[in-house]
Every structure is written in structure tokens, then in C-alpha cells.
N, C-alpha and C. Protein backbone atom coordinates (compact mmCIF):
# COMPACT_ATOMS: atom_id res chain seq x y z
N UNK A 1 -15.09 -33.21 -16.22
CA UNK A 1 -14.36 -32.56 -15.18
C UNK A 1 -15.12 -31.32 -14.69
N UNK A 2 -15.26 -31.16 -13.39
CA UNK A 2 -16.01 -30.02 -12.86
C UNK A 2 -15.03 -28.92 -12.59
N UNK A 3 -15.22 -27.76 -13.26
CA UNK A 3 -14.33 -26.62 -13.05
C UNK A 3 -14.89 -25.65 -12.05
N UNK A 4 -16.09 -25.90 -11.54
CA UNK A 4 -16.72 -25.05 -10.55
C UNK A 4 -16.03 -25.27 -9.21
N UNK A 5 -15.38 -24.27 -8.68
CA UNK A 5 -14.67 -24.44 -7.40
C UNK A 5 -15.54 -24.17 -6.18
N UNK A 6 -16.69 -23.56 -6.39
CA UNK A 6 -17.58 -23.27 -5.28
C UNK A 6 -18.39 -24.51 -4.92
N UNK A 7 -18.27 -24.88 -3.70
CA UNK A 7 -19.01 -26.06 -3.23
C UNK A 7 -20.44 -25.72 -2.89
N UNK A 8 -21.27 -26.76 -2.59
CA UNK A 8 -22.66 -26.50 -2.21
C UNK A 8 -22.80 -25.56 -1.02
N UNK A 9 -21.89 -25.62 -0.07
CA UNK A 9 -21.94 -24.75 1.07
C UNK A 9 -21.68 -23.29 0.71
N UNK A 10 -20.78 -23.09 -0.27
CA UNK A 10 -20.50 -21.70 -0.74
C UNK A 10 -21.71 -21.12 -1.39
N UNK A 11 -22.35 -21.88 -2.23
CA UNK A 11 -23.54 -21.42 -2.96
C UNK A 11 -24.64 -21.08 -1.97
N UNK A 12 -24.87 -21.93 -1.01
CA UNK A 12 -25.88 -21.71 -0.01
C UNK A 12 -25.56 -20.46 0.85
N UNK A 13 -24.33 -20.28 1.18
CA UNK A 13 -23.93 -19.11 1.96
C UNK A 13 -24.13 -17.84 1.16
N UNK A 14 -23.74 -17.84 -0.13
CA UNK A 14 -23.97 -16.66 -0.95
C UNK A 14 -25.42 -16.32 -1.13
N UNK A 15 -26.25 -17.33 -1.31
CA UNK A 15 -27.70 -17.13 -1.45
C UNK A 15 -28.27 -16.52 -0.17
N UNK A 16 -27.85 -17.03 0.96
CA UNK A 16 -28.32 -16.54 2.26
C UNK A 16 -27.86 -15.07 2.44
N UNK A 17 -26.62 -14.79 2.07
CA UNK A 17 -26.10 -13.42 2.14
C UNK A 17 -26.91 -12.49 1.29
N UNK A 18 -27.26 -12.88 0.03
CA UNK A 18 -28.07 -12.02 -0.83
C UNK A 18 -29.47 -11.80 -0.29
N UNK A 19 -30.03 -12.85 0.31
CA UNK A 19 -31.36 -12.70 0.90
C UNK A 19 -31.38 -11.77 2.10
N UNK A 20 -30.32 -11.87 2.94
CA UNK A 20 -30.22 -10.99 4.11
C UNK A 20 -29.95 -9.53 3.70
N UNK A 21 -29.02 -9.35 2.78
CA UNK A 21 -28.60 -7.99 2.41
C UNK A 21 -29.62 -7.33 1.48
N UNK A 22 -30.37 -8.12 0.72
CA UNK A 22 -31.30 -7.56 -0.25
C UNK A 22 -32.65 -7.19 0.30
N UNK A 23 -33.01 -7.72 1.44
CA UNK A 23 -34.37 -7.39 1.97
C UNK A 23 -34.44 -5.97 2.49
N UNK A 24 -35.65 -5.45 2.48
CA UNK A 24 -35.89 -4.10 2.95
C UNK A 24 -36.83 -4.19 4.15
N UNK A 25 -36.56 -3.34 5.13
CA UNK A 25 -37.38 -3.27 6.35
C UNK A 25 -37.81 -1.83 6.54
N UNK A 26 -39.12 -1.58 6.65
CA UNK A 26 -39.58 -0.23 6.89
C UNK A 26 -38.98 0.33 8.21
N UNK A 27 -38.54 1.56 8.10
CA UNK A 27 -37.96 2.21 9.29
C UNK A 27 -36.64 1.69 9.71
N UNK A 28 -35.99 0.94 8.85
CA UNK A 28 -34.66 0.39 9.19
C UNK A 28 -33.65 1.48 9.35
N UNK A 29 -32.75 1.31 10.28
CA UNK A 29 -31.68 2.29 10.52
C UNK A 29 -30.48 1.51 11.06
N UNK A 30 -29.35 2.20 11.12
CA UNK A 30 -28.16 1.59 11.67
C UNK A 30 -28.35 1.37 13.17
N UNK A 31 -28.29 0.14 13.60
CA UNK A 31 -28.54 -0.13 15.02
C UNK A 31 -27.28 -0.37 15.82
N UNK A 32 -26.13 -0.50 15.16
CA UNK A 32 -24.87 -0.67 15.87
C UNK A 32 -23.86 0.35 15.33
N UNK A 33 -23.06 0.86 16.24
CA UNK A 33 -22.02 1.81 15.90
C UNK A 33 -20.91 1.15 15.07
N UNK A 34 -20.28 1.91 14.20
CA UNK A 34 -19.15 1.40 13.41
C UNK A 34 -18.06 0.80 14.32
N UNK A 35 -17.79 1.47 15.45
CA UNK A 35 -16.77 0.93 16.37
C UNK A 35 -17.09 -0.45 16.86
N UNK A 36 -18.37 -0.72 17.13
CA UNK A 36 -18.83 -2.08 17.54
C UNK A 36 -18.64 -3.07 16.44
N UNK A 37 -18.99 -2.66 15.23
CA UNK A 37 -18.88 -3.57 14.04
C UNK A 37 -17.39 -3.87 13.76
N UNK A 38 -16.55 -2.82 13.81
CA UNK A 38 -15.12 -3.02 13.55
C UNK A 38 -14.50 -3.91 14.62
N UNK A 39 -14.90 -3.75 15.88
CA UNK A 39 -14.40 -4.59 16.98
C UNK A 39 -14.78 -6.06 16.74
N UNK A 40 -16.00 -6.25 16.23
CA UNK A 40 -16.44 -7.64 15.91
C UNK A 40 -15.63 -8.21 14.74
N UNK A 41 -15.33 -7.36 13.73
CA UNK A 41 -14.55 -7.82 12.62
C UNK A 41 -13.14 -8.20 12.98
N UNK A 42 -12.50 -7.38 13.80
CA UNK A 42 -11.12 -7.68 14.17
C UNK A 42 -11.00 -8.64 15.34
N UNK A 43 -12.10 -9.06 15.90
CA UNK A 43 -12.09 -10.06 16.96
C UNK A 43 -11.75 -9.54 18.34
N UNK A 44 -11.68 -8.22 18.46
CA UNK A 44 -11.33 -7.66 19.79
C UNK A 44 -12.50 -7.68 20.76
N UNK A 45 -13.75 -7.74 20.23
CA UNK A 45 -14.91 -7.82 21.12
C UNK A 45 -16.04 -8.49 20.30
N UNK A 46 -16.43 -9.68 20.72
CA UNK A 46 -17.51 -10.36 20.00
C UNK A 46 -18.84 -9.64 20.28
N UNK A 47 -19.75 -9.79 19.37
CA UNK A 47 -21.09 -9.23 19.54
C UNK A 47 -21.84 -10.00 20.61
N UNK A 48 -22.63 -9.31 21.39
CA UNK A 48 -23.48 -9.94 22.40
C UNK A 48 -24.67 -10.57 21.64
N UNK A 49 -25.44 -11.36 22.33
CA UNK A 49 -26.61 -12.00 21.74
C UNK A 49 -27.58 -10.96 21.22
N UNK A 50 -27.78 -9.89 22.03
CA UNK A 50 -28.69 -8.80 21.63
C UNK A 50 -28.19 -8.05 20.38
N UNK A 51 -26.88 -7.85 20.32
CA UNK A 51 -26.30 -7.16 19.20
C UNK A 51 -26.41 -8.02 17.94
N UNK A 52 -26.19 -9.33 18.07
CA UNK A 52 -26.34 -10.24 16.92
C UNK A 52 -27.78 -10.23 16.43
N UNK A 53 -28.76 -10.25 17.33
CA UNK A 53 -30.17 -10.25 16.95
C UNK A 53 -30.50 -8.90 16.23
N UNK A 54 -29.98 -7.80 16.78
CA UNK A 54 -30.27 -6.49 16.14
C UNK A 54 -29.65 -6.44 14.77
N UNK A 55 -28.42 -6.98 14.64
CA UNK A 55 -27.74 -7.03 13.36
C UNK A 55 -28.53 -7.80 12.30
N UNK A 56 -29.00 -8.98 12.70
CA UNK A 56 -29.78 -9.78 11.78
C UNK A 56 -31.11 -9.17 11.40
N UNK A 57 -31.69 -8.35 12.30
CA UNK A 57 -32.97 -7.76 12.01
C UNK A 57 -32.86 -6.47 11.18
N UNK A 58 -31.61 -5.98 10.97
CA UNK A 58 -31.41 -4.72 10.27
C UNK A 58 -30.60 -4.94 9.02
N UNK A 59 -31.23 -5.05 7.84
CA UNK A 59 -30.45 -5.19 6.60
C UNK A 59 -29.48 -4.02 6.35
N UNK A 60 -29.88 -2.82 6.79
CA UNK A 60 -29.01 -1.67 6.63
C UNK A 60 -27.71 -1.84 7.43
N UNK A 61 -27.80 -2.32 8.63
CA UNK A 61 -26.61 -2.55 9.49
C UNK A 61 -25.78 -3.68 8.93
N UNK A 62 -26.44 -4.73 8.40
CA UNK A 62 -25.73 -5.81 7.77
C UNK A 62 -24.92 -5.33 6.55
N UNK A 63 -25.54 -4.43 5.75
CA UNK A 63 -24.80 -3.89 4.60
C UNK A 63 -23.61 -3.05 5.07
N UNK A 64 -23.80 -2.30 6.17
CA UNK A 64 -22.70 -1.50 6.69
C UNK A 64 -21.56 -2.39 7.20
N UNK A 65 -21.92 -3.51 7.86
CA UNK A 65 -20.91 -4.47 8.31
C UNK A 65 -20.15 -5.04 7.10
N UNK A 66 -20.85 -5.35 6.06
CA UNK A 66 -20.25 -5.91 4.87
C UNK A 66 -19.27 -4.85 4.25
N UNK A 67 -19.72 -3.61 4.18
CA UNK A 67 -18.88 -2.52 3.62
C UNK A 67 -17.63 -2.32 4.46
N UNK A 68 -17.77 -2.33 5.78
CA UNK A 68 -16.57 -2.21 6.67
C UNK A 68 -15.64 -3.35 6.43
N UNK A 69 -16.13 -4.55 6.22
CA UNK A 69 -15.29 -5.73 5.98
C UNK A 69 -14.53 -5.55 4.67
N UNK A 70 -15.22 -5.07 3.64
CA UNK A 70 -14.59 -4.82 2.32
C UNK A 70 -13.49 -3.77 2.46
N UNK A 71 -13.79 -2.65 3.18
CA UNK A 71 -12.80 -1.61 3.37
C UNK A 71 -11.63 -2.12 4.15
N UNK A 72 -11.87 -2.96 5.13
CA UNK A 72 -10.80 -3.49 5.95
C UNK A 72 -9.88 -4.37 5.11
N UNK A 73 -10.42 -5.22 4.23
CA UNK A 73 -9.64 -6.06 3.33
C UNK A 73 -8.80 -5.20 2.40
N UNK A 74 -9.46 -4.16 1.85
CA UNK A 74 -8.77 -3.27 0.91
C UNK A 74 -7.63 -2.52 1.60
N UNK A 75 -7.89 -2.11 2.85
CA UNK A 75 -6.82 -1.40 3.58
C UNK A 75 -5.63 -2.33 3.88
N UNK A 76 -5.95 -3.58 4.26
CA UNK A 76 -4.92 -4.57 4.50
C UNK A 76 -4.14 -4.84 3.24
N UNK A 77 -4.81 -4.96 2.13
CA UNK A 77 -4.09 -5.18 0.85
C UNK A 77 -3.31 -3.92 0.50
N UNK A 78 -3.82 -2.75 0.80
CA UNK A 78 -3.12 -1.48 0.52
C UNK A 78 -1.86 -1.37 1.30
N UNK A 79 -1.84 -1.81 2.60
CA UNK A 79 -0.62 -1.76 3.41
C UNK A 79 0.40 -2.71 2.89
N UNK A 80 -0.03 -3.86 2.45
CA UNK A 80 0.96 -4.83 1.95
C UNK A 80 1.51 -4.39 0.58
N UNK A 81 0.61 -3.85 -0.25
CA UNK A 81 0.99 -3.57 -1.60
C UNK A 81 0.07 -2.48 -2.15
N UNK A 82 0.40 -1.23 -1.96
CA UNK A 82 -0.49 -0.13 -2.33
C UNK A 82 -0.89 -0.17 -3.78
N UNK A 83 -2.19 -0.35 -3.96
CA UNK A 83 -2.78 -0.30 -5.33
C UNK A 83 -2.05 -1.14 -6.35
N UNK A 84 -1.57 -2.27 -5.92
CA UNK A 84 -0.91 -3.18 -6.84
C UNK A 84 0.51 -2.79 -7.19
N UNK A 85 1.08 -1.77 -6.59
CA UNK A 85 2.44 -1.38 -6.89
C UNK A 85 3.44 -2.38 -6.28
N UNK A 86 4.37 -2.86 -7.09
CA UNK A 86 5.34 -3.87 -6.61
C UNK A 86 6.74 -3.38 -6.69
N UNK A 87 6.93 -2.18 -7.21
CA UNK A 87 8.28 -1.63 -7.32
C UNK A 87 8.46 -0.83 -8.62
N UNK A 88 9.48 -0.02 -8.61
CA UNK A 88 9.82 0.80 -9.80
C UNK A 88 11.32 0.73 -10.03
N UNK A 89 11.68 0.73 -11.29
CA UNK A 89 13.11 0.60 -11.65
C UNK A 89 13.51 1.74 -12.55
N UNK A 90 14.78 2.06 -12.45
CA UNK A 90 15.33 3.15 -13.30
C UNK A 90 16.74 2.81 -13.73
N UNK A 91 17.17 3.47 -14.81
CA UNK A 91 18.55 3.24 -15.30
C UNK A 91 19.20 4.57 -15.58
N UNK A 92 20.50 4.63 -15.42
CA UNK A 92 21.26 5.80 -15.81
C UNK A 92 21.17 5.91 -17.36
N UNK A 93 21.03 7.05 -17.84
CA UNK A 93 20.97 7.26 -19.27
C UNK A 93 22.38 7.20 -19.87
N UNK A 94 22.49 6.86 -21.13
CA UNK A 94 23.76 6.74 -21.78
C UNK A 94 24.52 8.07 -21.74
N UNK A 95 23.79 9.16 -21.76
CA UNK A 95 24.42 10.48 -21.78
C UNK A 95 24.85 10.95 -20.38
N UNK A 96 24.53 10.17 -19.33
CA UNK A 96 24.86 10.57 -17.98
C UNK A 96 26.38 10.49 -17.81
N UNK A 97 27.02 11.62 -17.61
CA UNK A 97 28.45 11.67 -17.32
C UNK A 97 28.67 12.71 -16.27
N UNK A 98 29.75 12.60 -15.55
CA UNK A 98 29.98 13.54 -14.47
C UNK A 98 29.02 13.27 -13.33
N UNK A 99 28.70 14.30 -12.54
CA UNK A 99 27.83 14.15 -11.40
C UNK A 99 26.41 14.09 -11.85
N UNK A 100 25.60 13.38 -11.12
CA UNK A 100 24.18 13.22 -11.41
C UNK A 100 23.40 13.98 -10.34
N UNK A 101 22.48 14.83 -10.80
CA UNK A 101 21.65 15.57 -9.86
C UNK A 101 20.41 14.83 -9.44
N UNK A 102 19.81 14.08 -10.44
CA UNK A 102 18.60 13.31 -10.10
C UNK A 102 18.43 12.22 -11.14
N UNK A 103 17.68 11.18 -10.75
CA UNK A 103 17.34 10.07 -11.62
C UNK A 103 15.87 9.78 -11.46
N UNK A 104 15.18 9.48 -12.57
CA UNK A 104 13.75 9.12 -12.48
C UNK A 104 13.61 7.61 -12.78
N UNK A 105 12.63 6.99 -12.15
CA UNK A 105 12.34 5.61 -12.48
C UNK A 105 11.71 5.60 -13.87
N UNK A 106 11.77 4.47 -14.51
CA UNK A 106 11.22 4.39 -15.89
C UNK A 106 9.76 4.66 -15.97
N UNK A 107 9.02 4.36 -14.89
CA UNK A 107 7.58 4.65 -14.90
C UNK A 107 7.25 6.09 -14.52
N UNK A 108 8.26 6.83 -14.08
CA UNK A 108 8.06 8.26 -13.78
C UNK A 108 7.48 8.52 -12.40
N UNK A 109 7.34 7.49 -11.62
CA UNK A 109 6.66 7.65 -10.30
C UNK A 109 7.56 8.06 -9.16
N UNK A 110 8.87 7.90 -9.32
CA UNK A 110 9.85 8.28 -8.29
C UNK A 110 11.03 9.03 -8.91
N UNK A 111 11.54 9.98 -8.15
CA UNK A 111 12.77 10.69 -8.54
C UNK A 111 13.73 10.50 -7.37
N UNK A 112 14.97 10.11 -7.68
CA UNK A 112 16.02 10.03 -6.69
C UNK A 112 16.94 11.22 -6.89
N UNK A 113 16.89 12.13 -5.96
CA UNK A 113 17.74 13.34 -6.01
C UNK A 113 19.04 13.04 -5.24
N UNK A 114 20.13 13.42 -5.81
CA UNK A 114 21.48 13.23 -5.21
C UNK A 114 22.10 14.59 -5.01
N UNK A 115 22.21 15.01 -3.75
CA UNK A 115 22.59 16.36 -3.38
C UNK A 115 23.92 16.34 -2.64
N UNK A 116 24.88 17.17 -3.11
CA UNK A 116 26.17 17.28 -2.39
C UNK A 116 25.88 17.92 -1.03
N UNK A 117 26.54 17.35 -0.02
CA UNK A 117 26.32 17.83 1.37
C UNK A 117 27.67 17.81 2.11
N UNK A 118 28.32 18.96 2.24
CA UNK A 118 29.63 18.99 2.86
C UNK A 118 30.59 18.19 2.05
N UNK A 119 31.21 17.16 2.70
CA UNK A 119 32.16 16.30 1.96
C UNK A 119 31.48 15.05 1.45
N UNK A 120 30.16 14.90 1.70
CA UNK A 120 29.43 13.74 1.27
C UNK A 120 28.27 14.05 0.39
N UNK A 121 27.30 13.17 0.39
CA UNK A 121 26.10 13.32 -0.47
C UNK A 121 24.86 12.97 0.34
N UNK A 122 23.76 13.40 -0.13
CA UNK A 122 22.46 13.02 0.46
C UNK A 122 21.56 12.49 -0.65
N UNK A 123 20.86 11.39 -0.37
CA UNK A 123 19.95 10.77 -1.32
C UNK A 123 18.53 11.11 -0.84
N UNK A 124 17.73 11.67 -1.73
CA UNK A 124 16.34 12.05 -1.41
C UNK A 124 15.41 11.39 -2.40
N UNK A 125 14.54 10.55 -1.91
CA UNK A 125 13.55 9.88 -2.78
C UNK A 125 12.27 10.70 -2.73
N UNK A 126 11.72 10.96 -3.94
CA UNK A 126 10.51 11.75 -4.02
C UNK A 126 9.46 11.01 -4.84
N UNK A 127 8.27 10.86 -4.26
CA UNK A 127 7.17 10.22 -4.97
C UNK A 127 6.40 11.23 -5.80
N UNK A 128 6.08 10.86 -7.05
CA UNK A 128 5.32 11.73 -7.90
C UNK A 128 3.86 11.82 -7.35
N UNK A 129 3.34 13.04 -7.21
CA UNK A 129 2.00 13.20 -6.68
C UNK A 129 0.92 12.54 -7.55
N UNK A 130 1.18 12.36 -8.83
CA UNK A 130 0.18 11.77 -9.72
C UNK A 130 0.35 10.25 -9.87
N UNK A 131 1.22 9.64 -9.10
CA UNK A 131 1.33 8.18 -9.14
C UNK A 131 0.01 7.59 -8.70
N UNK A 132 -0.55 6.58 -9.40
CA UNK A 132 -1.86 6.04 -9.07
C UNK A 132 -1.96 5.50 -7.64
N UNK A 133 -0.86 5.05 -7.10
CA UNK A 133 -0.86 4.47 -5.78
C UNK A 133 -0.39 5.45 -4.68
N UNK A 134 -0.15 6.71 -5.06
CA UNK A 134 0.40 7.68 -4.12
C UNK A 134 -0.47 7.87 -2.87
N UNK A 135 -1.80 8.07 -3.02
CA UNK A 135 -2.59 8.25 -1.80
C UNK A 135 -2.50 7.06 -0.84
N UNK A 136 -2.57 5.87 -1.36
CA UNK A 136 -2.50 4.65 -0.49
C UNK A 136 -1.16 4.49 0.13
N UNK A 137 -0.08 4.79 -0.63
CA UNK A 137 1.27 4.67 -0.11
C UNK A 137 1.52 5.71 1.01
N UNK A 138 1.05 6.93 0.80
CA UNK A 138 1.25 7.95 1.83
C UNK A 138 0.38 7.68 3.05
N UNK A 139 -0.85 7.22 2.86
CA UNK A 139 -1.71 6.89 4.01
C UNK A 139 -1.18 5.75 4.83
N UNK A 140 -0.64 4.73 4.14
CA UNK A 140 -0.10 3.57 4.85
C UNK A 140 1.21 3.84 5.49
N UNK A 141 1.89 4.90 5.06
CA UNK A 141 3.25 5.18 5.49
C UNK A 141 4.12 3.92 5.41
N UNK A 142 3.93 3.24 4.28
CA UNK A 142 4.63 1.97 4.03
C UNK A 142 6.14 2.21 3.90
N UNK A 143 6.93 1.28 4.47
CA UNK A 143 8.37 1.41 4.36
C UNK A 143 8.86 1.08 2.93
N UNK A 144 9.86 1.84 2.46
CA UNK A 144 10.43 1.65 1.13
C UNK A 144 11.94 1.49 1.23
N UNK A 145 12.48 0.91 0.16
CA UNK A 145 13.95 0.78 0.07
C UNK A 145 14.32 1.13 -1.33
N UNK A 146 15.46 1.86 -1.45
CA UNK A 146 16.05 2.14 -2.77
C UNK A 146 17.36 1.37 -2.83
N UNK A 147 17.51 0.62 -3.87
CA UNK A 147 18.75 -0.22 -4.04
C UNK A 147 19.42 0.18 -5.32
N UNK A 148 20.76 -0.08 -5.37
CA UNK A 148 21.49 0.13 -6.59
C UNK A 148 21.36 -1.11 -7.48
N UNK A 149 21.98 -1.09 -8.66
CA UNK A 149 21.86 -2.23 -9.59
C UNK A 149 22.42 -3.51 -9.06
N UNK A 150 23.27 -3.45 -8.04
CA UNK A 150 23.82 -4.69 -7.41
C UNK A 150 23.01 -5.16 -6.24
N UNK A 151 21.91 -4.45 -5.92
CA UNK A 151 21.02 -4.82 -4.83
C UNK A 151 21.42 -4.27 -3.50
N UNK A 152 22.43 -3.40 -3.42
CA UNK A 152 22.83 -2.79 -2.15
C UNK A 152 21.94 -1.60 -1.84
N UNK A 153 21.61 -1.45 -0.55
CA UNK A 153 20.71 -0.43 -0.11
C UNK A 153 21.27 0.96 -0.17
N UNK A 154 20.62 1.86 -0.86
CA UNK A 154 21.00 3.29 -0.93
C UNK A 154 20.30 4.02 0.24
N UNK A 155 18.99 3.74 0.38
CA UNK A 155 18.26 4.29 1.55
C UNK A 155 17.05 3.44 1.82
N UNK A 156 16.64 3.52 3.07
CA UNK A 156 15.41 2.83 3.56
C UNK A 156 14.66 3.83 4.44
N UNK A 157 13.37 3.77 4.36
CA UNK A 157 12.57 4.64 5.23
C UNK A 157 11.14 4.74 4.81
N UNK A 158 10.43 5.64 5.47
CA UNK A 158 9.02 5.87 5.16
C UNK A 158 8.87 7.29 4.57
N UNK A 159 7.99 7.42 3.61
CA UNK A 159 7.78 8.71 3.01
C UNK A 159 7.10 9.63 4.04
N UNK A 160 7.51 10.92 4.03
CA UNK A 160 6.85 11.89 4.94
C UNK A 160 5.59 12.40 4.22
N UNK A 161 4.94 13.37 4.86
CA UNK A 161 3.66 13.86 4.29
C UNK A 161 3.86 14.49 2.94
N UNK A 162 5.06 14.97 2.59
CA UNK A 162 5.33 15.54 1.27
C UNK A 162 5.69 14.52 0.24
N UNK A 163 5.74 13.26 0.62
CA UNK A 163 6.08 12.19 -0.33
C UNK A 163 7.60 12.03 -0.51
N UNK A 164 8.37 12.39 0.51
CA UNK A 164 9.79 12.31 0.38
C UNK A 164 10.41 11.49 1.51
N UNK A 165 11.57 10.91 1.23
CA UNK A 165 12.34 10.14 2.24
C UNK A 165 13.79 10.40 1.94
N UNK A 166 14.60 10.66 2.94
CA UNK A 166 15.99 10.95 2.67
C UNK A 166 16.97 10.27 3.64
N UNK A 167 18.19 10.18 3.19
CA UNK A 167 19.24 9.60 4.05
C UNK A 167 20.61 10.01 3.48
N UNK A 168 21.62 9.90 4.31
CA UNK A 168 22.97 10.17 3.83
C UNK A 168 23.38 9.13 2.85
N UNK A 169 24.14 9.50 1.83
CA UNK A 169 24.63 8.57 0.82
C UNK A 169 25.56 7.58 1.54
N UNK A 170 25.30 6.27 1.46
CA UNK A 170 26.00 5.30 2.28
C UNK A 170 27.34 4.77 1.75
N UNK A 171 27.70 5.18 0.57
CA UNK A 171 28.90 4.63 -0.06
C UNK A 171 30.04 5.61 -0.12
N UNK A 172 31.28 5.10 -0.16
CA UNK A 172 32.44 5.96 -0.20
C UNK A 172 32.53 6.70 -1.56
N UNK A 173 32.24 6.03 -2.63
CA UNK A 173 32.29 6.61 -3.96
C UNK A 173 31.15 7.59 -4.15
N UNK A 174 31.34 8.61 -4.97
CA UNK A 174 30.32 9.57 -5.31
C UNK A 174 29.17 8.83 -6.06
N UNK A 175 27.95 9.34 -6.01
CA UNK A 175 26.81 8.64 -6.64
C UNK A 175 27.00 8.22 -8.08
N UNK A 176 27.49 9.14 -8.94
CA UNK A 176 27.64 8.79 -10.34
C UNK A 176 28.57 7.61 -10.55
N UNK A 177 29.72 7.66 -9.93
CA UNK A 177 30.69 6.52 -10.07
C UNK A 177 30.17 5.26 -9.48
N UNK A 178 29.56 5.36 -8.31
CA UNK A 178 29.02 4.14 -7.68
C UNK A 178 27.93 3.51 -8.52
N UNK A 179 26.99 4.30 -8.95
CA UNK A 179 25.89 3.76 -9.75
C UNK A 179 26.35 3.20 -11.08
N UNK A 180 27.33 3.81 -11.72
CA UNK A 180 27.86 3.25 -12.97
C UNK A 180 28.47 1.91 -12.71
N UNK A 181 29.22 1.77 -11.61
CA UNK A 181 29.89 0.50 -11.30
C UNK A 181 28.89 -0.56 -10.81
N UNK A 182 27.69 -0.13 -10.37
CA UNK A 182 26.68 -1.06 -9.86
C UNK A 182 25.61 -1.38 -10.86
N UNK A 183 25.98 -1.43 -12.11
CA UNK A 183 25.01 -1.84 -13.15
C UNK A 183 24.21 -0.69 -13.75
N UNK A 184 24.53 0.54 -13.44
CA UNK A 184 23.83 1.72 -13.96
C UNK A 184 22.32 1.66 -13.77
N UNK A 185 21.91 1.10 -12.65
CA UNK A 185 20.47 0.94 -12.40
C UNK A 185 20.16 1.16 -10.93
N UNK A 186 18.90 1.39 -10.67
CA UNK A 186 18.46 1.50 -9.26
C UNK A 186 17.00 1.04 -9.23
N UNK A 187 16.50 0.72 -8.04
CA UNK A 187 15.16 0.29 -7.89
C UNK A 187 14.53 0.84 -6.57
N UNK A 188 13.25 1.07 -6.63
CA UNK A 188 12.45 1.46 -5.42
C UNK A 188 11.48 0.34 -5.21
N UNK A 189 11.50 -0.20 -3.98
CA UNK A 189 10.63 -1.33 -3.70
C UNK A 189 10.00 -1.20 -2.31
N UNK A 190 8.79 -1.79 -2.15
CA UNK A 190 8.14 -1.80 -0.85
C UNK A 190 8.83 -2.80 0.06
N UNK A 191 8.87 -2.50 1.33
CA UNK A 191 9.36 -3.41 2.35
C UNK A 191 8.21 -3.95 3.15
N UNK A 192 8.30 -5.17 3.64
CA UNK A 192 7.30 -5.73 4.50
C UNK A 192 7.32 -5.03 5.84
N UNK A 193 6.08 -4.80 6.40
CA UNK A 193 5.96 -4.28 7.74
C UNK A 193 6.17 -2.87 7.82
């Protein structure tokens, strides 16, 4: 049984890529602007015949194109799922009684603050600055949702520059009573788009 999934075309393509990227040319320099290379990568403007010839003649520009493609894939993966983060979960502690001022996720990456506001409450989600995915999440301004243990939405939104997102408490019951009745748990999860 052949476990090698790369076909002969893949091997040939990789070999050609190594040969093109590995060669050195005296006096080589970047011959195309990043904007031109990015436009070619995203398909908004194909390279002209002259630009393609210049690209093939310049290993340095080819390496730059490859780096931009890698960064583009990483950014796209980061928007969909910052640094591999898929969500954080937290539970009310057994000692939690009366009103709750804040709750932390089990991983320590998020704190849900519950603040009395007039006759209601305000929910404020705060991202820990030292979370490994914090820079990517803030840069992508990815939408998040906080749900209770029953899956009902507490808040939805995008983190601001300070790593916070807030909304009015959406339930009639006060946070402590509501969360106890909803499985004594909450979750922070990424939303698509």
C-alpha cells in the first residue's frame, strides 16, 4: 500500500519551486512592488507578460511573493480562528452566592464582568492581554459571542482596542440567578464573519 499522498506532479512542482527560489542572481533586487504581488495573489489584477518575466528572472522577488502568500494564508487562518483558539469556557464556583461581580474562563483568557446599571445590569467581556491569541484576535476584530450554560446569548460583538466588548444584560433575572439556573456555566466563542 502506498502511503505517499504526493503525486509525481507535486514532487516535480516542489523541485521546480526549490530550484527557482534557491538560485542566486548577482545584483538581484525586488523588481515588483508588494501591491502588485498582492493583487496577483488575490486575483484582482493578473501580472502582465513583462511582470511575469521579471518575476521569474528575480529569485528575490519570487521569495517575496512566496512570503506574501504565506502571510496571506496565515492572516486568513487568523481571521477564521485566531492562533488556534476555538473558545473558552467557565463555571460558577461552588462558593458563588449572592451577586457576582465577575467570572473568569477556566483558561484565564477572558473575564466576564457583571455591573449593576440603574435597574438592570451590564455585561462586559475582557480579553486577557497575555492570551496567546490576543494580538491576532484584536487585529482581526473577530466577532465573539458569550453564551450561558443553556446556550443563550449573553452578548455578541467585536472587541475594542482595549480588548473589551459590552452589552446590556439581556435577561429579566439578575446575572447570578440566571447563570445558576442555566447550568452554572458560560462560554466565549468565535463567530463566523
